[in-house]
Amino acid sequence: MATNYIYFDLGKVILEFDHVRGCQQVAAVMGITSKQADEVMFGSGLEVEFETGLMSPSEFAERFFET
């Protein structure tokens, strides 16, 4: 039987990921504070929707920019 897919979880499972650092980097690019970036991504549930496959990367970006 051929393997069609291999699934793995990178963030905080295989690789360490620092959400604070991510928010700081997003904030620097967007011209907002890291607290604002955190509120938009994590406080609003946006990150959960993205991580669970309920939206595409482009939908994530669109919703982020709307906020």
Protein backbone atom coordinates (compact mmCIF):
# COMPACT_ATOMS: atom_id res chain seq x y z
CA MET A 1 0.00 0.00 0.00
CA ALA A 2 1.45 3.36 -1.05
CA THR A 3 1.73 6.25 1.38
CA ASN A 4 -0.25 9.19 0.05
CA TYR A 5 0.29 11.70 2.83
CA ILE A 6 2.58 12.27 5.76
CA TYR A 7 1.30 14.68 8.40
CA PHE A 8 3.45 16.30 11.04
CA ASP A 9 3.18 19.20 13.45
CA LEU A 10 6.08 21.65 13.35
CA GLY A 11 5.09 24.39 15.79
CA LYS A 12 6.08 23.57 19.37
CA VAL A 13 6.23 19.86 18.52
CA ILE A 14 9.11 19.28 16.11
CA LEU A 15 10.41 22.86 16.17
CA GLU A 16 10.30 25.42 18.95
CA PHE A 17 8.19 28.46 18.11
CA ASP A 18 8.06 31.63 20.18
CA HIS A 19 4.69 33.39 19.82
CA VAL A 20 6.05 36.54 21.47
CA ARG A 21 8.84 36.79 18.91
CA GLY A 22 6.36 36.11 16.09
CA CYS A 23 4.12 38.92 17.32
CA GLN A 24 7.11 41.27 17.54
CA GLN A 25 8.09 40.48 13.95
CA VAL A 26 4.54 40.91 12.63
CA ALA A 27 4.20 44.16 14.59
CA ALA A 28 7.43 45.55 13.12
CA VAL A 29 6.23 44.88 9.57
CA MET A 30 2.70 46.15 10.20
CA GLY A 31 3.67 49.25 12.17
CA ILE A 32 1.67 48.19 15.23
CA THR A 33 2.61 47.11 18.74
CA SER A 34 3.34 43.49 19.52
CA LYS A 35 0.41 43.59 21.96
CA GLN A 36 -1.91 44.60 19.10
CA ALA A 37 -0.54 41.81 16.91
CA ASP A 38 -1.08 39.32 19.75
CA GLU A 39 -4.65 40.51 20.29
CA VAL A 40 -5.50 40.17 16.60
CA MET A 41 -3.91 36.76 16.09
CA PHE A 42 -4.48 35.04 19.42
CA GLY A 43 -7.06 37.09 21.30
CA SER A 44 -9.59 37.02 18.47
CA GLY A 45 -9.34 33.29 17.74
CA LEU A 46 -7.91 33.99 14.29
CA GLU A 47 -4.88 31.76 14.87
CA VAL A 48 -7.06 28.83 15.99
CA GLU A 49 -9.19 29.07 12.85
CA PHE A 50 -6.07 29.13 10.69
CA GLU A 51 -4.28 26.33 12.54
CA THR A 52 -7.33 24.05 12.36
CA GLY A 53 -7.69 24.54 8.61
CA LEU A 54 -10.81 26.69 8.68
CA MET A 55 -9.14 29.35 6.53
CA SER A 56 -6.38 29.61 3.97
CA PRO A 57 -3.23 31.72 4.41
CA SER A 58 -4.71 34.42 2.17
CA GLU A 59 -7.94 34.44 4.22
CA PHE A 60 -5.84 34.73 7.40
CA ALA A 61 -3.97 37.73 5.98
CA GLU A 62 -7.17 39.36 4.78
CA ARG A 63 -8.83 38.99 8.19
CA PHE A 64 -5.66 40.22 9.93
CA PHE A 65 -5.57 43.37 7.77
CA GLU A 66 -9.28 44.03 8.39
CA THR A 67 -8.73 44.15 12.14
